[in-house]
């Protein structure tokens, strides 16, 4: 069984492949499914990048959901406590955001 992070990595690889082929229709389709830079940093386990992005983002931006309805916190909660603490320290409202349809 694949985890959400495995699926997201596969989506990212498809995105890069579309860019390399100059397949702009597929690139746009894949880009729309990738979410924010914060989502991707979490998915790829980039703790330092997550910390830097959290410092730059507003509390509202931290609440943004990916196209599949997940906050970056939800992805982090699948296995990275350090990232969770970093995001919740800045915005405790993240804890109460239901996953599902994107905002």
N, C-alpha and C. Protein backbone atom coordinates (compact mmCIF):
# COMPACT_ATOMS: atom_id res chain seq x y z
N UNK A 1 0.84 -1.18 0.00
CA UNK A 1 0.00 0.00 0.00
C UNK A 1 0.89 1.25 0.00
N UNK A 2 0.48 2.25 -0.75
CA UNK A 2 1.24 3.48 -0.85
C UNK A 2 0.73 4.51 0.14
N UNK A 3 1.64 5.27 0.73
CA UNK A 3 1.24 6.37 1.61
C UNK A 3 0.92 7.59 0.75
N UNK A 4 0.28 8.59 1.37
CA UNK A 4 0.01 9.84 0.66
C UNK A 4 1.31 10.45 0.15
N UNK A 5 2.37 10.37 0.96
CA UNK A 5 3.64 10.96 0.54
C UNK A 5 4.23 10.24 -0.67
N UNK A 6 4.06 8.92 -0.74
CA UNK A 6 4.52 8.18 -1.92
C UNK A 6 3.78 8.65 -3.16
N UNK A 7 2.49 8.85 -3.02
CA UNK A 7 1.67 9.31 -4.14
C UNK A 7 2.09 10.71 -4.55
N UNK A 8 2.33 11.60 -3.58
CA UNK A 8 2.74 12.96 -3.89
C UNK A 8 4.10 12.98 -4.59
N UNK A 9 5.02 12.13 -4.16
CA UNK A 9 6.33 12.05 -4.83
C UNK A 9 6.15 11.63 -6.29
N UNK A 10 5.27 10.65 -6.50
CA UNK A 10 5.00 10.20 -7.87
C UNK A 10 4.41 11.34 -8.69
N UNK A 11 3.49 12.11 -8.10
CA UNK A 11 2.91 13.27 -8.80
C UNK A 11 4.00 14.28 -9.15
N UNK A 12 4.92 14.52 -8.23
CA UNK A 12 6.00 15.48 -8.47
C UNK A 12 6.90 14.99 -9.60
N UNK A 13 7.19 13.71 -9.61
CA UNK A 13 8.02 13.15 -10.69
C UNK A 13 7.31 13.28 -12.03
N UNK A 14 5.99 13.09 -12.05
CA UNK A 14 5.22 13.26 -13.29
C UNK A 14 5.27 14.72 -13.75
N UNK A 15 5.21 15.64 -12.79
CA UNK A 15 5.31 17.06 -13.09
C UNK A 15 6.65 17.38 -13.75
N UNK A 16 7.74 16.91 -13.15
CA UNK A 16 9.07 17.17 -13.71
C UNK A 16 9.22 16.56 -15.10
N UNK A 17 8.69 15.37 -15.28
CA UNK A 17 8.77 14.71 -16.59
C UNK A 17 8.01 15.52 -17.64
N UNK A 18 6.85 16.06 -17.27
CA UNK A 18 6.07 16.88 -18.21
C UNK A 18 6.83 18.15 -18.57
N UNK A 19 7.50 18.76 -17.60
CA UNK A 19 8.30 19.96 -17.86
C UNK A 19 9.43 19.62 -18.84
N UNK A 20 10.12 18.52 -18.59
CA UNK A 20 11.23 18.12 -19.46
C UNK A 20 10.78 17.88 -20.90
N UNK A 21 9.55 17.35 -21.06
CA UNK A 21 9.02 17.07 -22.40
C UNK A 21 8.41 18.31 -23.05
N UNK A 22 8.36 19.41 -22.31
CA UNK A 22 7.67 20.63 -22.77
C UNK A 22 6.19 20.36 -23.06
N UNK A 23 5.60 19.48 -22.30
CA UNK A 23 4.18 19.15 -22.41
C UNK A 23 3.43 20.08 -21.47
N UNK A 24 3.09 21.27 -21.97
CA UNK A 24 2.55 22.31 -21.10
C UNK A 24 1.16 21.99 -20.59
N UNK A 25 0.36 21.26 -21.36
CA UNK A 25 -0.96 20.86 -20.88
C UNK A 25 -0.82 19.96 -19.65
N UNK A 26 0.04 18.96 -19.76
CA UNK A 26 0.27 18.04 -18.64
C UNK A 26 0.97 18.75 -17.48
N UNK A 27 1.89 19.67 -17.80
CA UNK A 27 2.59 20.43 -16.75
C UNK A 27 1.58 21.20 -15.91
N UNK A 28 0.65 21.89 -16.56
CA UNK A 28 -0.36 22.66 -15.85
C UNK A 28 -1.24 21.75 -15.00
N UNK A 29 -1.66 20.63 -15.58
CA UNK A 29 -2.50 19.68 -14.86
C UNK A 29 -1.78 19.17 -13.61
N UNK A 30 -0.51 18.79 -13.75
CA UNK A 30 0.27 18.29 -12.62
C UNK A 30 0.52 19.38 -11.60
N UNK A 31 0.84 20.60 -12.07
CA UNK A 31 1.13 21.71 -11.17
C UNK A 31 -0.05 21.98 -10.26
N UNK A 32 -1.25 21.95 -10.83
CA UNK A 32 -2.45 22.22 -10.04
C UNK A 32 -2.66 21.19 -8.94
N UNK A 33 -2.12 20.00 -9.11
CA UNK A 33 -2.32 18.96 -8.11
C UNK A 33 -1.22 18.93 -7.05
N UNK A 34 -0.18 19.74 -7.22
CA UNK A 34 0.97 19.66 -6.32
C UNK A 34 0.84 20.46 -5.03
N UNK A 35 -0.01 21.46 -4.98
CA UNK A 35 -0.14 22.24 -3.76
C UNK A 35 0.95 23.30 -3.66
N UNK A 36 1.15 23.78 -2.48
CA UNK A 36 2.09 24.87 -2.25
C UNK A 36 3.52 24.39 -2.05
N UNK A 37 4.44 25.34 -2.04
CA UNK A 37 5.84 25.02 -1.75
C UNK A 37 5.95 24.38 -0.36
N UNK A 38 5.17 24.88 0.59
CA UNK A 38 5.20 24.31 1.94
C UNK A 38 4.76 22.85 1.92
N UNK A 39 3.67 22.56 1.22
CA UNK A 39 3.21 21.17 1.10
C UNK A 39 4.34 20.29 0.57
N UNK A 40 4.98 20.75 -0.50
CA UNK A 40 6.04 19.94 -1.11
C UNK A 40 7.25 19.79 -0.20
N UNK A 41 7.62 20.84 0.51
CA UNK A 41 8.75 20.74 1.44
C UNK A 41 8.45 19.71 2.53
N UNK A 42 7.21 19.70 3.02
CA UNK A 42 6.81 18.71 4.03
C UNK A 42 6.88 17.30 3.44
N UNK A 43 6.30 17.13 2.27
CA UNK A 43 6.25 15.81 1.64
C UNK A 43 7.65 15.24 1.42
N UNK A 44 8.59 16.10 1.06
CA UNK A 44 9.94 15.63 0.79
C UNK A 44 10.85 15.68 2.02
N UNK A 45 10.25 15.97 3.20
CA UNK A 45 11.00 15.90 4.45
C UNK A 45 12.06 16.97 4.63
N UNK A 46 11.87 18.12 4.02
CA UNK A 46 12.85 19.20 4.08
C UNK A 46 12.58 20.11 5.29
N UNK A 47 13.02 19.68 6.46
CA UNK A 47 12.71 20.39 7.71
C UNK A 47 13.18 21.83 7.71
N UNK A 48 14.39 22.08 7.26
CA UNK A 48 14.92 23.45 7.25
C UNK A 48 14.09 24.35 6.33
N UNK A 49 13.74 23.83 5.17
CA UNK A 49 12.91 24.59 4.24
C UNK A 49 11.54 24.86 4.84
N UNK A 50 10.96 23.88 5.51
CA UNK A 50 9.67 24.08 6.17
C UNK A 50 9.78 25.20 7.20
N UNK A 51 10.81 25.18 8.03
CA UNK A 51 10.99 26.23 9.04
C UNK A 51 11.10 27.60 8.40
N UNK A 52 11.88 27.71 7.33
CA UNK A 52 12.04 28.99 6.65
C UNK A 52 10.73 29.47 6.03
N UNK A 53 10.01 28.56 5.39
CA UNK A 53 8.73 28.93 4.79
C UNK A 53 7.71 29.35 5.84
N UNK A 54 7.66 28.62 6.95
CA UNK A 54 6.73 28.97 8.02
C UNK A 54 7.03 30.37 8.54
N UNK A 55 8.30 30.72 8.64
CA UNK A 55 8.67 32.07 9.07
C UNK A 55 8.21 33.14 8.08
N UNK A 56 8.18 32.81 6.80
CA UNK A 56 7.81 33.77 5.77
C UNK A 56 6.30 33.89 5.56
N UNK A 57 5.58 32.80 5.79
CA UNK A 57 4.15 32.76 5.48
C UNK A 57 3.30 33.42 6.56
N UNK A 58 2.15 33.93 6.14
CA UNK A 58 1.17 34.44 7.11
C UNK A 58 0.44 33.26 7.72
N UNK A 59 -0.28 33.50 8.83
CA UNK A 59 -1.04 32.41 9.43
C UNK A 59 -2.12 31.91 8.47
N UNK A 60 -2.67 32.81 7.67
CA UNK A 60 -3.68 32.40 6.69
C UNK A 60 -3.08 31.50 5.61
N UNK A 61 -1.87 31.82 5.18
CA UNK A 61 -1.22 31.00 4.15
C UNK A 61 -0.90 29.61 4.68
N UNK A 62 -0.64 29.50 5.97
CA UNK A 62 -0.39 28.18 6.56
C UNK A 62 -1.64 27.30 6.50
N UNK A 63 -2.81 27.91 6.40
CA UNK A 63 -4.07 27.17 6.38
C UNK A 63 -4.46 26.70 4.98
N UNK A 64 -3.70 27.07 3.98
CA UNK A 64 -4.04 26.70 2.60
C UNK A 64 -4.03 25.18 2.44
N UNK A 65 -5.01 24.71 1.69
CA UNK A 65 -5.11 23.28 1.42
C UNK A 65 -4.63 22.97 0.01
N UNK A 66 -4.11 21.78 -0.17
CA UNK A 66 -3.73 21.31 -1.50
C UNK A 66 -5.00 21.00 -2.28
N UNK A 67 -4.86 20.69 -3.54
CA UNK A 67 -6.03 20.39 -4.37
C UNK A 67 -6.78 19.16 -3.87
N UNK A 68 -6.12 18.30 -3.11
CA UNK A 68 -6.81 17.14 -2.56
C UNK A 68 -7.36 17.39 -1.16
N UNK A 69 -7.27 18.66 -0.70
CA UNK A 69 -7.92 19.04 0.55
C UNK A 69 -7.11 18.88 1.82
N UNK A 70 -5.81 18.77 1.72
CA UNK A 70 -4.96 18.56 2.90
C UNK A 70 -4.12 19.80 3.17
N UNK A 71 -4.03 20.18 4.44
CA UNK A 71 -3.10 21.24 4.83
C UNK A 71 -1.70 20.64 4.90
N UNK A 72 -0.70 21.50 4.89
CA UNK A 72 0.68 21.02 5.05
C UNK A 72 0.83 20.34 6.40
N UNK A 73 0.11 20.85 7.41
CA UNK A 73 0.15 20.23 8.74
C UNK A 73 -0.32 18.78 8.68
N UNK A 74 -1.37 18.52 7.92
CA UNK A 74 -1.89 17.16 7.82
C UNK A 74 -0.83 16.22 7.23
N UNK A 75 -0.10 16.70 6.23
CA UNK A 75 0.97 15.87 5.67
C UNK A 75 2.08 15.66 6.70
N UNK A 76 2.44 16.71 7.42
CA UNK A 76 3.49 16.59 8.43
C UNK A 76 3.08 15.63 9.53
N UNK A 77 1.80 15.63 9.86
CA UNK A 77 1.30 14.78 10.96
C UNK A 77 1.43 13.30 10.65
N UNK A 78 1.69 12.96 9.40
CA UNK A 78 1.86 11.55 9.05
C UNK A 78 3.24 11.03 9.43
N UNK A 79 4.08 11.90 10.02
CA UNK A 79 5.36 11.36 10.44
C UNK A 79 6.47 12.32 10.77
N UNK A 80 6.19 13.62 10.91
CA UNK A 80 7.29 14.52 11.23
C UNK A 80 6.88 15.51 12.31
N UNK A 81 7.11 15.12 13.56
CA UNK A 81 6.70 15.92 14.71
C UNK A 81 7.37 17.30 14.73
N UNK A 82 8.61 17.38 14.29
CA UNK A 82 9.31 18.67 14.28
C UNK A 82 8.60 19.67 13.38
N UNK A 83 8.17 19.23 12.20
CA UNK A 83 7.44 20.11 11.30
C UNK A 83 6.08 20.50 11.89
N UNK A 84 5.41 19.55 12.52
CA UNK A 84 4.12 19.83 13.15
C UNK A 84 4.28 20.93 14.19
N UNK A 85 5.26 20.79 15.07
CA UNK A 85 5.49 21.79 16.12
C UNK A 85 5.79 23.15 15.52
N UNK A 86 6.59 23.18 14.46
CA UNK A 86 6.95 24.43 13.81
C UNK A 86 5.71 25.16 13.31
N UNK A 87 4.82 24.45 12.65
CA UNK A 87 3.62 25.08 12.08
C UNK A 87 2.61 25.47 13.15
N UNK A 88 2.38 24.59 14.12
CA UNK A 88 1.39 24.86 15.16
C UNK A 88 1.86 25.98 16.08
N UNK A 89 3.15 26.13 16.28
CA UNK A 89 3.66 27.24 17.08
C UNK A 89 3.26 28.57 16.46
N UNK A 90 3.26 28.65 15.15
CA UNK A 90 2.89 29.89 14.48
C UNK A 90 1.37 30.06 14.38
N UNK A 91 0.64 28.96 14.17
CA UNK A 91 -0.81 29.07 13.97
C UNK A 91 -1.52 27.88 14.61
N UNK A 92 -2.02 28.07 15.83
CA UNK A 92 -2.71 26.99 16.54
C UNK A 92 -4.05 26.65 15.91
N UNK A 93 -4.59 27.54 15.08
CA UNK A 93 -5.86 27.26 14.39
C UNK A 93 -5.73 26.09 13.42
N UNK A 94 -4.52 25.78 13.01
CA UNK A 94 -4.31 24.67 12.07
C UNK A 94 -4.86 23.36 12.62
N UNK A 95 -4.81 23.20 13.92
CA UNK A 95 -5.25 21.96 14.56
C UNK A 95 -6.73 21.69 14.28
N UNK A 96 -7.52 22.75 14.18
CA UNK A 96 -8.96 22.59 14.01
C UNK A 96 -9.45 22.58 12.58
N UNK A 97 -8.56 22.62 11.61
CA UNK A 97 -8.99 22.64 10.21
C UNK A 97 -9.25 21.21 9.74
N UNK A 98 -10.47 20.99 9.31
CA UNK A 98 -10.84 19.66 8.81
C UNK A 98 -10.23 19.44 7.44
N UNK A 99 -9.80 18.23 7.21
CA UNK A 99 -9.27 17.89 5.89
C UNK A 99 -10.43 17.52 4.99
N UNK A 100 -10.27 17.73 3.74
CA UNK A 100 -11.33 17.45 2.77
C UNK A 100 -11.24 18.43 1.63
N UNK A 101 -12.34 18.98 1.24
CA UNK A 101 -12.37 19.88 0.09
C UNK A 101 -11.43 21.06 0.29
N UNK A 102 -10.69 21.40 -0.76
CA UNK A 102 -9.75 22.52 -0.70
C UNK A 102 -10.50 23.83 -0.54
N UNK A 103 -9.85 24.80 0.13
CA UNK A 103 -10.43 26.14 0.30
C UNK A 103 -10.38 26.88 -0.99
